[in-house]
mmCIF file of all heavy atoms, coordinates in Angstrom:
data_MODEL
# 
_entry.id   MODEL 
# 
loop_
_atom_site.group_PDB 
_atom_site.id 
_atom_site.type_symbol 
_atom_site.label_atom_id 
_atom_site.label_alt_id 
_atom_site.label_comp_id 
_atom_site.label_asym_id 
_atom_site.label_entity_id 
_atom_site.label_seq_id 
_atom_site.pdbx_PDB_ins_code 
_atom_site.Cartn_x 
_atom_site.Cartn_y 
_atom_site.Cartn_z 
_atom_site.occupancy 
_atom_site.B_iso_or_equiv 
_atom_site.pdbx_formal_charge 
_atom_site.auth_seq_id 
_atom_site.auth_comp_id 
_atom_site.auth_asym_id 
_atom_site.auth_atom_id 
_atom_site.pdbx_PDB_model_num 
ATOM 1   N N   . HIS A 1 1  ? 90.214  93.347  77.589  1.00 0.00 ? 1  HIS A N   1 
ATOM 2   C CA  . HIS A 1 1  ? 90.693  94.437  76.744  1.00 0.00 ? 1  HIS A CA  1 
ATOM 3   C C   . HIS A 1 1  ? 91.417  95.546  77.501  1.00 0.00 ? 1  HIS A C   1 
ATOM 4   O O   . HIS A 1 1  ? 91.911  96.521  76.982  1.00 0.00 ? 1  HIS A O   1 
ATOM 5   C CB  . HIS A 1 1  ? 89.610  95.072  75.847  1.00 0.00 ? 1  HIS A CB  1 
ATOM 6   C CG  . HIS A 1 1  ? 88.559  95.794  76.642  1.00 0.00 ? 1  HIS A CG  1 
ATOM 7   N ND1 . HIS A 1 1  ? 87.778  95.264  77.614  1.00 0.00 ? 1  HIS A ND1 1 
ATOM 8   C CD2 . HIS A 1 1  ? 88.292  97.104  76.625  1.00 0.00 ? 1  HIS A CD2 1 
ATOM 9   C CE1 . HIS A 1 1  ? 86.867  96.087  78.003  1.00 0.00 ? 1  HIS A CE1 1 
ATOM 10  N NE2 . HIS A 1 1  ? 87.200  97.281  77.625  1.00 0.00 ? 1  HIS A NE2 1 
ATOM 11  N N   . ILE A 1 2  ? 91.373  95.516  78.848  1.00 0.00 ? 2  ILE A N   1 
ATOM 12  C CA  . ILE A 1 2  ? 91.907  96.578  79.705  1.00 0.00 ? 2  ILE A CA  1 
ATOM 13  C C   . ILE A 1 2  ? 93.380  96.282  79.988  1.00 0.00 ? 2  ILE A C   1 
ATOM 14  O O   . ILE A 1 2  ? 93.746  95.517  80.727  1.00 0.00 ? 2  ILE A O   1 
ATOM 15  C CB  . ILE A 1 2  ? 91.076  96.782  81.055  1.00 0.00 ? 2  ILE A CB  1 
ATOM 16  C CG1 . ILE A 1 2  ? 89.681  96.944  80.783  1.00 0.00 ? 2  ILE A CG1 1 
ATOM 17  C CG2 . ILE A 1 2  ? 91.652  97.919  81.829  1.00 0.00 ? 2  ILE A CG2 1 
ATOM 18  C CD1 . ILE A 1 2  ? 88.762  97.031  81.977  1.00 0.00 ? 2  ILE A CD1 1 
ATOM 19  N N   . SER A 1 3  ? 94.231  97.082  79.324  1.00 0.00 ? 3  SER A N   1 
ATOM 20  C CA  . SER A 1 3  ? 95.685  96.854  79.328  1.00 0.00 ? 3  SER A CA  1 
ATOM 21  C C   . SER A 1 3  ? 96.332  96.888  80.651  1.00 0.00 ? 3  SER A C   1 
ATOM 22  O O   . SER A 1 3  ? 97.169  96.169  81.024  1.00 0.00 ? 3  SER A O   1 
ATOM 23  C CB  . SER A 1 3  ? 96.349  97.740  78.346  1.00 0.00 ? 3  SER A CB  1 
ATOM 24  O OG  . SER A 1 3  ? 96.132  99.151  78.788  1.00 0.00 ? 3  SER A OG  1 
ATOM 25  N N   . TRP A 1 4  ? 95.836  97.792  81.516  1.00 0.00 ? 4  TRP A N   1 
ATOM 26  C CA  . TRP A 1 4  ? 96.458  98.129  82.776  1.00 0.00 ? 4  TRP A CA  1 
ATOM 27  C C   . TRP A 1 4  ? 96.338  96.993  83.802  1.00 0.00 ? 4  TRP A C   1 
ATOM 28  O O   . TRP A 1 4  ? 97.088  96.731  84.681  1.00 0.00 ? 4  TRP A O   1 
ATOM 29  C CB  . TRP A 1 4  ? 96.205  99.413  83.403  1.00 0.00 ? 4  TRP A CB  1 
ATOM 30  C CG  . TRP A 1 4  ? 94.770  99.583  83.862  1.00 0.00 ? 4  TRP A CG  1 
ATOM 31  C CD1 . TRP A 1 4  ? 93.724  100.133 83.188  1.00 0.00 ? 4  TRP A CD1 1 
ATOM 32  C CD2 . TRP A 1 4  ? 94.240  99.300  85.149  1.00 0.00 ? 4  TRP A CD2 1 
ATOM 33  N NE1 . TRP A 1 4  ? 92.593  100.115 83.908  1.00 0.00 ? 4  TRP A NE1 1 
ATOM 34  C CE2 . TRP A 1 4  ? 92.803  99.579  85.130  1.00 0.00 ? 4  TRP A CE2 1 
ATOM 35  C CE3 . TRP A 1 4  ? 94.709  98.734  86.330  1.00 0.00 ? 4  TRP A CE3 1 
ATOM 36  C CZ2 . TRP A 1 4  ? 92.048  99.441  86.286  1.00 0.00 ? 4  TRP A CZ2 1 
ATOM 37  C CZ3 . TRP A 1 4  ? 93.820  98.516  87.392  1.00 0.00 ? 4  TRP A CZ3 1 
ATOM 38  C CH2 . TRP A 1 4  ? 92.629  98.801  87.398  1.00 0.00 ? 4  TRP A CH2 1 
ATOM 39  N N   . ILE A 1 5  ? 95.221  96.244  83.697  1.00 0.00 ? 5  ILE A N   1 
ATOM 40  C CA  . ILE A 1 5  ? 95.000  95.073  84.634  1.00 0.00 ? 5  ILE A CA  1 
ATOM 41  C C   . ILE A 1 5  ? 95.670  93.793  83.918  1.00 0.00 ? 5  ILE A C   1 
ATOM 42  O O   . ILE A 1 5  ? 95.711  92.808  84.609  1.00 0.00 ? 5  ILE A O   1 
ATOM 43  C CB  . ILE A 1 5  ? 93.577  94.817  84.921  1.00 0.00 ? 5  ILE A CB  1 
ATOM 44  C CG1 . ILE A 1 5  ? 92.758  94.464  83.603  1.00 0.00 ? 5  ILE A CG1 1 
ATOM 45  C CG2 . ILE A 1 5  ? 92.939  96.003  85.518  1.00 0.00 ? 5  ILE A CG2 1 
ATOM 46  C CD1 . ILE A 1 5  ? 91.229  93.957  84.039  1.00 0.00 ? 5  ILE A CD1 1 
ATOM 47  N N   . GLU A 1 6  ? 96.023  93.932  82.696  1.00 0.00 ? 6  GLU A N   1 
ATOM 48  C CA  . GLU A 1 6  ? 96.658  92.707  82.065  1.00 0.00 ? 6  GLU A CA  1 
ATOM 49  C C   . GLU A 1 6  ? 98.180  92.789  82.092  1.00 0.00 ? 6  GLU A C   1 
ATOM 50  O O   . GLU A 1 6  ? 98.802  91.804  81.641  1.00 0.00 ? 6  GLU A O   1 
ATOM 51  C CB  . GLU A 1 6  ? 96.202  92.663  80.642  1.00 0.00 ? 6  GLU A CB  1 
ATOM 52  C CG  . GLU A 1 6  ? 94.726  92.377  80.386  1.00 0.00 ? 6  GLU A CG  1 
ATOM 53  C CD  . GLU A 1 6  ? 94.166  91.044  80.878  1.00 0.00 ? 6  GLU A CD  1 
ATOM 54  O OE1 . GLU A 1 6  ? 95.087  90.142  81.051  1.00 0.00 ? 6  GLU A OE1 1 
ATOM 55  O OE2 . GLU A 1 6  ? 93.098  90.891  81.124  1.00 0.00 ? 6  GLU A OE2 1 
ATOM 56  N N   . SER A 1 7  ? 98.751  93.890  82.653  1.00 0.00 ? 7  SER A N   1 
ATOM 57  C CA  . SER A 1 7  ? 100.213 93.973  82.657  1.00 0.00 ? 7  SER A CA  1 
ATOM 58  C C   . SER A 1 7  ? 100.873 92.888  83.499  1.00 0.00 ? 7  SER A C   1 
ATOM 59  O O   . SER A 1 7  ? 102.040 92.599  83.263  1.00 0.00 ? 7  SER A O   1 
ATOM 60  C CB  . SER A 1 7  ? 100.635 95.418  83.147  1.00 0.00 ? 7  SER A CB  1 
ATOM 61  O OG  . SER A 1 7  ? 100.115 95.539  84.473  1.00 0.00 ? 7  SER A OG  1 
ATOM 62  N N   . SER A 1 8  ? 100.222 92.437  84.533  1.00 0.00 ? 8  SER A N   1 
ATOM 63  C CA  . SER A 1 8  ? 100.791 91.415  85.396  1.00 0.00 ? 8  SER A CA  1 
ATOM 64  C C   . SER A 1 8  ? 99.689  90.670  86.079  1.00 0.00 ? 8  SER A C   1 
ATOM 65  O O   . SER A 1 8  ? 98.591  91.214  86.308  1.00 0.00 ? 8  SER A O   1 
ATOM 66  C CB  . SER A 1 8  ? 101.864 91.994  86.437  1.00 0.00 ? 8  SER A CB  1 
ATOM 67  O OG  . SER A 1 8  ? 101.183 92.914  87.261  1.00 0.00 ? 8  SER A OG  1 
ATOM 68  N N   . ASN A 1 9  ? 99.975  89.316  86.353  1.00 0.00 ? 9  ASN A N   1 
ATOM 69  C CA  . ASN A 1 9  ? 99.038  88.599  87.215  1.00 0.00 ? 9  ASN A CA  1 
ATOM 70  C C   . ASN A 1 9  ? 99.730  87.548  87.942  1.00 0.00 ? 9  ASN A C   1 
ATOM 71  O O   . ASN A 1 9  ? 100.955 87.376  87.788  1.00 0.00 ? 9  ASN A O   1 
ATOM 72  C CB  . ASN A 1 9  ? 97.890  87.998  86.391  1.00 0.00 ? 9  ASN A CB  1 
ATOM 73  C CG  . ASN A 1 9  ? 98.287  87.019  85.327  1.00 0.00 ? 9  ASN A CG  1 
ATOM 74  O OD1 . ASN A 1 9  ? 99.094  86.157  85.580  1.00 0.00 ? 9  ASN A OD1 1 
ATOM 75  N ND2 . ASN A 1 9  ? 97.638  87.075  84.110  1.00 0.00 ? 9  ASN A ND2 1 
ATOM 76  N N   . ALA A 1 10 ? 99.042  86.826  88.786  1.00 0.00 ? 10 ALA A N   1 
ATOM 77  C CA  . ALA A 1 10 ? 99.701  85.663  89.504  1.00 0.00 ? 10 ALA A CA  1 
ATOM 78  C C   . ALA A 1 10 ? 98.916  84.476  89.541  1.00 0.00 ? 10 ALA A C   1 
ATOM 79  O O   . ALA A 1 10 ? 97.631  84.626  89.473  1.00 0.00 ? 10 ALA A O   1 
ATOM 80  C CB  . ALA A 1 10 ? 100.002 86.155  91.073  1.00 0.00 ? 10 ALA A CB  1 
ATOM 81  N N   . ASP A 1 11 ? 99.535  83.419  89.454  1.00 0.00 ? 11 ASP A N   1 
ATOM 82  C CA  . ASP A 1 11 ? 98.893  82.041  89.426  1.00 0.00 ? 11 ASP A CA  1 
ATOM 83  C C   . ASP A 1 11 ? 98.853  81.561  90.811  1.00 0.00 ? 11 ASP A C   1 
ATOM 84  O O   . ASP A 1 11 ? 99.926  81.017  91.308  1.00 0.00 ? 11 ASP A O   1 
ATOM 85  C CB  . ASP A 1 11 ? 99.518  81.085  88.478  1.00 0.00 ? 11 ASP A CB  1 
ATOM 86  C CG  . ASP A 1 11 ? 98.906  79.647  88.466  1.00 0.00 ? 11 ASP A CG  1 
ATOM 87  O OD1 . ASP A 1 11 ? 97.890  79.502  89.156  1.00 0.00 ? 11 ASP A OD1 1 
ATOM 88  O OD2 . ASP A 1 11 ? 99.251  78.871  87.500  1.00 0.00 ? 11 ASP A OD2 1 
ATOM 89  N N   . ILE A 1 12 ? 97.670  81.470  91.606  1.00 0.00 ? 12 ILE A N   1 
ATOM 90  C CA  . ILE A 1 12 ? 97.663  81.126  92.895  1.00 0.00 ? 12 ILE A CA  1 
ATOM 91  C C   . ILE A 1 12 ? 97.848  79.651  93.156  1.00 0.00 ? 12 ILE A C   1 
ATOM 92  O O   . ILE A 1 12 ? 98.035  79.126  94.319  1.00 0.00 ? 12 ILE A O   1 
ATOM 93  C CB  . ILE A 1 12 ? 96.347  81.553  93.688  1.00 0.00 ? 12 ILE A CB  1 
ATOM 94  C CG1 . ILE A 1 12 ? 95.170  80.988  92.879  1.00 0.00 ? 12 ILE A CG1 1 
ATOM 95  C CG2 . ILE A 1 12 ? 96.281  83.143  93.685  1.00 0.00 ? 12 ILE A CG2 1 
ATOM 96  C CD1 . ILE A 1 12 ? 93.862  81.008  93.660  1.00 0.00 ? 12 ILE A CD1 1 
ATOM 97  N N   . THR A 1 13 ? 97.937  78.789  92.089  1.00 0.00 ? 13 THR A N   1 
ATOM 98  C CA  . THR A 1 13 ? 98.183  77.419  92.234  1.00 0.00 ? 13 THR A CA  1 
ATOM 99  C C   . THR A 1 13 ? 99.692  77.155  92.175  1.00 0.00 ? 13 THR A C   1 
ATOM 100 O O   . THR A 1 13 ? 100.200 76.065  92.491  1.00 0.00 ? 13 THR A O   1 
ATOM 101 C CB  . THR A 1 13 ? 97.560  76.624  91.237  1.00 0.00 ? 13 THR A CB  1 
ATOM 102 O OG1 . THR A 1 13 ? 98.311  76.765  89.959  1.00 0.00 ? 13 THR A OG1 1 
ATOM 103 C CG2 . THR A 1 13 ? 96.100  76.897  90.867  1.00 0.00 ? 13 THR A CG2 1 
ATOM 104 N N   . ASP A 1 14 ? 100.451 78.206  91.908  1.00 0.00 ? 14 ASP A N   1 
ATOM 105 C CA  . ASP A 1 14 ? 102.000 78.034  91.817  1.00 0.00 ? 14 ASP A CA  1 
ATOM 106 C C   . ASP A 1 14 ? 102.707 78.179  93.117  1.00 0.00 ? 14 ASP A C   1 
ATOM 107 O O   . ASP A 1 14 ? 102.453 79.281  93.794  1.00 0.00 ? 14 ASP A O   1 
ATOM 108 C CB  . ASP A 1 14 ? 102.351 79.098  90.831  1.00 0.00 ? 14 ASP A CB  1 
ATOM 109 C CG  . ASP A 1 14 ? 103.839 78.807  90.286  1.00 0.00 ? 14 ASP A CG  1 
ATOM 110 O OD1 . ASP A 1 14 ? 104.602 78.302  91.102  1.00 0.00 ? 14 ASP A OD1 1 
ATOM 111 O OD2 . ASP A 1 14 ? 104.247 79.159  89.271  1.00 0.00 ? 14 ASP A OD2 1 
ATOM 112 N N   . PRO A 1 15 ? 103.482 77.325  93.586  1.00 0.00 ? 15 PRO A N   1 
ATOM 113 C CA  . PRO A 1 15 ? 104.208 77.501  94.814  1.00 0.00 ? 15 PRO A CA  1 
ATOM 114 C C   . PRO A 1 15 ? 104.972 78.808  94.829  1.00 0.00 ? 15 PRO A C   1 
ATOM 115 O O   . PRO A 1 15 ? 105.258 79.328  95.835  1.00 0.00 ? 15 PRO A O   1 
ATOM 116 C CB  . PRO A 1 15 ? 105.100 76.180  94.824  1.00 0.00 ? 15 PRO A CB  1 
ATOM 117 C CG  . PRO A 1 15 ? 104.408 75.202  94.043  1.00 0.00 ? 15 PRO A CG  1 
ATOM 118 C CD  . PRO A 1 15 ? 103.677 75.991  92.991  1.00 0.00 ? 15 PRO A CD  1 
ATOM 119 N N   . ASP A 1 16 ? 105.507 79.243  93.711  1.00 0.00 ? 16 ASP A N   1 
ATOM 120 C CA  . ASP A 1 16 ? 106.241 80.408  93.673  1.00 0.00 ? 16 ASP A CA  1 
ATOM 121 C C   . ASP A 1 16 ? 105.380 81.752  94.096  1.00 0.00 ? 16 ASP A C   1 
ATOM 122 O O   . ASP A 1 16 ? 105.869 82.663  94.679  1.00 0.00 ? 16 ASP A O   1 
ATOM 123 C CB  . ASP A 1 16 ? 106.876 80.710  92.310  1.00 0.00 ? 16 ASP A CB  1 
ATOM 124 C CG  . ASP A 1 16 ? 108.044 79.798  91.910  1.00 0.00 ? 16 ASP A CG  1 
ATOM 125 O OD1 . ASP A 1 16 ? 108.591 79.220  92.857  1.00 0.00 ? 16 ASP A OD1 1 
ATOM 126 O OD2 . ASP A 1 16 ? 108.352 79.627  90.805  1.00 0.00 ? 16 ASP A OD2 1 
ATOM 127 N N   . THR A 1 17 ? 104.134 81.578  93.741  1.00 0.00 ? 17 THR A N   1 
ATOM 128 C CA  . THR A 1 17 ? 103.255 82.656  94.168  1.00 0.00 ? 17 THR A CA  1 
ATOM 129 C C   . THR A 1 17 ? 103.046 82.727  95.775  1.00 0.00 ? 17 THR A C   1 
ATOM 130 O O   . THR A 1 17 ? 103.057 83.764  96.289  1.00 0.00 ? 17 THR A O   1 
ATOM 131 C CB  . THR A 1 17 ? 101.861 82.472  93.491  1.00 0.00 ? 17 THR A CB  1 
ATOM 132 O OG1 . THR A 1 17 ? 101.926 82.452  92.107  1.00 0.00 ? 17 THR A OG1 1 
ATOM 133 C CG2 . THR A 1 17 ? 100.918 83.569  93.933  1.00 0.00 ? 17 THR A CG2 1 
ATOM 134 N N   . TYR A 1 18 ? 102.989 81.531  96.294  1.00 0.00 ? 18 TYR A N   1 
ATOM 135 C CA  . TYR A 1 18 ? 102.858 81.439  97.802  1.00 0.00 ? 18 TYR A CA  1 
ATOM 136 C C   . TYR A 1 18 ? 104.221 82.218  98.277  1.00 0.00 ? 18 TYR A C   1 
ATOM 137 O O   . TYR A 1 18 ? 104.139 83.006  99.250  1.00 0.00 ? 18 TYR A O   1 
ATOM 138 C CB  . TYR A 1 18 ? 103.050 80.157  98.165  1.00 0.00 ? 18 TYR A CB  1 
ATOM 139 C CG  . TYR A 1 18 ? 101.758 79.261  98.246  1.00 0.00 ? 18 TYR A CG  1 
ATOM 140 C CD1 . TYR A 1 18 ? 101.068 79.184  97.037  1.00 0.00 ? 18 TYR A CD1 1 
ATOM 141 C CD2 . TYR A 1 18 ? 101.103 78.805  99.332  1.00 0.00 ? 18 TYR A CD2 1 
ATOM 142 C CE1 . TYR A 1 18 ? 99.796  78.561  96.903  1.00 0.00 ? 18 TYR A CE1 1 
ATOM 143 C CE2 . TYR A 1 18 ? 99.878  78.170  99.306  1.00 0.00 ? 18 TYR A CE2 1 
ATOM 144 C CZ  . TYR A 1 18 ? 99.238  77.963  98.100  1.00 0.00 ? 18 TYR A CZ  1 
ATOM 145 O OH  . TYR A 1 18 ? 98.101  77.295  98.059  1.00 0.00 ? 18 TYR A OH  1 
ATOM 146 N N   . GLU A 1 19 ? 105.367 81.901  97.811  1.00 0.00 ? 19 GLU A N   1 
ATOM 147 C CA  . GLU A 1 19 ? 106.579 82.532  98.335  1.00 0.00 ? 19 GLU A CA  1 
ATOM 148 C C   . GLU A 1 19 ? 106.671 83.961  98.046  1.00 0.00 ? 19 GLU A C   1 
ATOM 149 O O   . GLU A 1 19 ? 107.071 84.747  98.940  1.00 0.00 ? 19 GLU A O   1 
ATOM 150 C CB  . GLU A 1 19 ? 107.747 81.863  97.634  1.00 0.00 ? 19 GLU A CB  1 
ATOM 151 C CG  . GLU A 1 19 ? 109.233 82.238  98.140  1.00 0.00 ? 19 GLU A CG  1 
ATOM 152 C CD  . GLU A 1 19 ? 109.300 81.909  99.635  1.00 0.00 ? 19 GLU A CD  1 
ATOM 153 O OE1 . GLU A 1 19 ? 108.647 80.852  100.102 1.00 0.00 ? 19 GLU A OE1 1 
ATOM 154 O OE2 . GLU A 1 19 ? 110.071 82.638  100.348 1.00 0.00 ? 19 GLU A OE2 1 
ATOM 155 N N   . ASP A 1 20 ? 106.261 84.435  96.913  1.00 0.00 ? 20 ASP A N   1 
ATOM 156 C CA  . ASP A 1 20 ? 106.207 85.928  96.496  1.00 0.00 ? 20 ASP A CA  1 
ATOM 157 C C   . ASP A 1 20 ? 105.265 86.682  97.587  1.00 0.00 ? 20 ASP A C   1 
ATOM 158 O O   . ASP A 1 20 ? 105.547 87.696  98.051  1.00 0.00 ? 20 ASP A O   1 
ATOM 159 C CB  . ASP A 1 20 ? 105.775 86.121  95.259  1.00 0.00 ? 20 ASP A CB  1 
ATOM 160 C CG  . ASP A 1 20 ? 106.987 85.853  94.072  1.00 0.00 ? 20 ASP A CG  1 
ATOM 161 O OD1 . ASP A 1 20 ? 107.999 85.755  94.607  1.00 0.00 ? 20 ASP A OD1 1 
ATOM 162 O OD2 . ASP A 1 20 ? 106.535 85.814  92.930  1.00 0.00 ? 20 ASP A OD2 1 
ATOM 163 N N   . PHE A 1 21 ? 104.062 86.047  97.788  1.00 0.00 ? 21 PHE A N   1 
ATOM 164 C CA  . PHE A 1 21 ? 103.087 86.842  98.675  1.00 0.00 ? 21 PHE A CA  1 
ATOM 165 C C   . PHE A 1 21 ? 103.503 86.766  100.107 1.00 0.00 ? 21 PHE A C   1 
ATOM 166 O O   . PHE A 1 21 ? 103.322 87.786  100.941 1.00 0.00 ? 21 PHE A O   1 
ATOM 167 C CB  . PHE A 1 21 ? 101.644 86.158  98.446  1.00 0.00 ? 21 PHE A CB  1 
ATOM 168 C CG  . PHE A 1 21 ? 100.670 87.129  98.953  1.00 0.00 ? 21 PHE A CG  1 
ATOM 169 C CD1 . PHE A 1 21 ? 100.440 88.344  98.211  1.00 0.00 ? 21 PHE A CD1 1 
ATOM 170 C CD2 . PHE A 1 21 ? 99.793  86.812  100.093 1.00 0.00 ? 21 PHE A CD2 1 
ATOM 171 C CE1 . PHE A 1 21 ? 99.403  89.148  98.732  1.00 0.00 ? 21 PHE A CE1 1 
ATOM 172 C CE2 . PHE A 1 21 ? 98.873  87.705  100.448 1.00 0.00 ? 21 PHE A CE2 1 
ATOM 173 C CZ  . PHE A 1 21 ? 98.685  88.922  99.743  1.00 0.00 ? 21 PHE A CZ  1 
ATOM 174 N N   . ARG A 1 22 ? 104.212 85.757  100.521 1.00 0.00 ? 22 ARG A N   1 
ATOM 175 C CA  . ARG A 1 22 ? 104.673 85.599  101.952 1.00 0.00 ? 22 ARG A CA  1 
ATOM 176 C C   . ARG A 1 22 ? 105.814 86.778  102.078 1.00 0.00 ? 22 ARG A C   1 
ATOM 177 O O   . ARG A 1 22 ? 105.814 87.417  103.136 1.00 0.00 ? 22 ARG A O   1 
ATOM 178 C CB  . ARG A 1 22 ? 105.490 84.296  102.219 1.00 0.00 ? 22 ARG A CB  1 
ATOM 179 C CG  . ARG A 1 22 ? 104.378 83.184  102.377 1.00 0.00 ? 22 ARG A CG  1 
ATOM 180 C CD  . ARG A 1 22 ? 104.988 81.863  102.920 1.00 0.00 ? 22 ARG A CD  1 
ATOM 181 N NE  . ARG A 1 22 ? 104.202 80.741  102.913 1.00 0.00 ? 22 ARG A NE  1 
ATOM 182 C CZ  . ARG A 1 22 ? 104.196 79.755  102.098 1.00 0.00 ? 22 ARG A CZ  1 
ATOM 183 N NH1 . ARG A 1 22 ? 105.143 79.774  101.211 1.00 0.00 ? 22 ARG A NH1 1 
ATOM 184 N NH2 . ARG A 1 22 ? 103.413 78.810  102.083 1.00 0.00 ? 22 ARG A NH2 1 
ATOM 185 N N   . LYS A 1 23 ? 106.546 87.029  101.052 1.00 0.00 ? 23 LYS A N   1 
ATOM 186 C CA  . LYS A 1 23 ? 107.536 88.113  101.086 1.00 0.00 ? 23 LYS A CA  1 
ATOM 187 C C   . LYS A 1 23 ? 106.810 89.462  101.273 1.00 0.00 ? 23 LYS A C   1 
ATOM 188 O O   . LYS A 1 23 ? 107.172 90.350  102.037 1.00 0.00 ? 23 LYS A O   1 
ATOM 189 C CB  . LYS A 1 23 ? 108.448 88.146  99.911  1.00 0.00 ? 23 LYS A CB  1 
ATOM 190 C CG  . LYS A 1 23 ? 109.353 86.963  99.757  1.00 0.00 ? 23 LYS A CG  1 
ATOM 191 C CD  . LYS A 1 23 ? 110.141 87.115  98.485  1.00 0.00 ? 23 LYS A CD  1 
ATOM 192 C CE  . LYS A 1 23 ? 111.108 85.860  98.261  1.00 0.00 ? 23 LYS A CE  1 
ATOM 193 N NZ  . LYS A 1 23 ? 111.783 85.893  96.977  1.00 0.00 ? 23 LYS A NZ  1 
ATOM 194 N N   . MET A 1 24 ? 105.660 89.645  100.435 1.00 0.00 ? 24 MET A N   1 
ATOM 195 C CA  . MET A 1 24 ? 104.991 90.862  100.529 1.00 0.00 ? 24 MET A CA  1 
ATOM 196 C C   . MET A 1 24 ? 104.309 91.012  102.020 1.00 0.00 ? 24 MET A C   1 
ATOM 197 O O   . MET A 1 24 ? 104.322 92.163  102.581 1.00 0.00 ? 24 MET A O   1 
ATOM 198 C CB  . MET A 1 24 ? 103.788 90.854  99.595  1.00 0.00 ? 24 MET A CB  1 
ATOM 199 C CG  . MET A 1 24 ? 103.008 92.173  99.487  1.00 0.00 ? 24 MET A CG  1 
ATOM 200 S SD  . MET A 1 24 ? 101.634 92.095  98.353  1.00 0.00 ? 24 MET A SD  1 
ATOM 201 C CE  . MET A 1 24 ? 102.579 91.902  96.771  1.00 0.00 ? 24 MET A CE  1 
ATOM 202 N N   . LEU A 1 25 ? 103.816 89.955  102.569 1.00 0.00 ? 25 LEU A N   1 
ATOM 203 C CA  . LEU A 1 25 ? 103.257 90.010  103.883 1.00 0.00 ? 25 LEU A CA  1 
ATOM 204 C C   . LEU A 1 25 ? 104.335 90.303  105.037 1.00 0.00 ? 25 LEU A C   1 
ATOM 205 O O   . LEU A 1 25 ? 104.079 90.884  106.035 1.00 0.00 ? 25 LEU A O   1 
ATOM 206 C CB  . LEU A 1 25 ? 102.596 88.755  104.315 1.00 0.00 ? 25 LEU A CB  1 
ATOM 207 C CG  . LEU A 1 25 ? 101.265 88.384  103.475 1.00 0.00 ? 25 LEU A CG  1 
ATOM 208 C CD1 . LEU A 1 25 ? 100.647 87.097  103.952 1.00 0.00 ? 25 LEU A CD1 1 
ATOM 209 C CD2 . LEU A 1 25 ? 100.343 89.551  103.535 1.00 0.00 ? 25 LEU A CD2 1 
ATOM 210 N N   . ASP A 1 26 ? 105.573 89.714  104.755 1.00 0.00 ? 26 ASP A N   1 
ATOM 211 C CA  . ASP A 1 26 ? 106.686 89.949  105.614 1.00 0.00 ? 26 ASP A CA  1 
ATOM 212 C C   . ASP A 1 26 ? 107.046 91.397  105.752 1.00 0.00 ? 26 ASP A C   1 
ATOM 213 O O   . ASP A 1 26 ? 107.240 92.016  106.731 1.00 0.00 ? 26 ASP A O   1 
ATOM 214 C CB  . ASP A 1 26 ? 107.886 89.090  105.160 1.00 0.00 ? 26 ASP A CB  1 
ATOM 215 C CG  . ASP A 1 26 ? 108.984 89.226  106.197 1.00 0.00 ? 26 ASP A CG  1 
ATOM 216 O OD1 . ASP A 1 26 ? 108.926 88.933  107.286 1.00 0.00 ? 26 ASP A OD1 1 
ATOM 217 O OD2 . ASP A 1 26 ? 110.156 89.744  105.750 1.00 0.00 ? 26 ASP A OD2 1 
ATOM 218 N N   . LEU A 1 27 ? 107.107 92.130  104.469 1.00 0.00 ? 27 LEU A N   1 
ATOM 219 C CA  . LEU A 1 27 ? 107.430 93.512  104.499 1.00 0.00 ? 27 LEU A CA  1 
ATOM 220 C C   . LEU A 1 27 ? 106.343 94.385  104.942 1.00 0.00 ? 27 LEU A C   1 
ATOM 221 O O   . LEU A 1 27 ? 106.641 95.445  105.704 1.00 0.00 ? 27 LEU A O   1 
ATOM 222 C CB  . LEU A 1 27 ? 107.732 93.922  102.991 1.00 0.00 ? 27 LEU A CB  1 
ATOM 223 C CG  . LEU A 1 27 ? 109.012 93.376  102.374 1.00 0.00 ? 27 LEU A CG  1 
ATOM 224 C CD1 . LEU A 1 27 ? 108.919 93.430  100.836 1.00 0.00 ? 27 LEU A CD1 1 
ATOM 225 C CD2 . LEU A 1 27 ? 110.167 93.944  103.066 1.00 0.00 ? 27 LEU A CD2 1 
ATOM 226 N N   . THR A 1 28 ? 104.987 94.094  104.807 1.00 0.00 ? 28 THR A N   1 
ATOM 227 C CA  . THR A 1 28 ? 103.976 95.042  105.100 1.00 0.00 ? 28 THR A CA  1 
ATOM 228 C C   . THR A 1 28 ? 103.331 94.815  106.462 1.00 0.00 ? 28 THR A C   1 
ATOM 229 O O   . THR A 1 28 ? 102.733 95.726  107.100 1.00 0.00 ? 28 THR A O   1 
ATOM 230 C CB  . THR A 1 28 ? 102.939 94.912  104.010 1.00 0.00 ? 28 THR A CB  1 
ATOM 231 O OG1 . THR A 1 28 ? 102.370 93.623  103.837 1.00 0.00 ? 28 THR A OG1 1 
ATOM 232 C CG2 . THR A 1 28 ? 103.453 95.487  102.625 1.00 0.00 ? 28 THR A CG2 1 
# 
């Protein structure tokens, strides 16, 4: 019921999530 944690999430089984998180690691 907590809206602010429901605004977005990621499916860690999805190859696109791997790619997105690698981009985050690349930047940070």
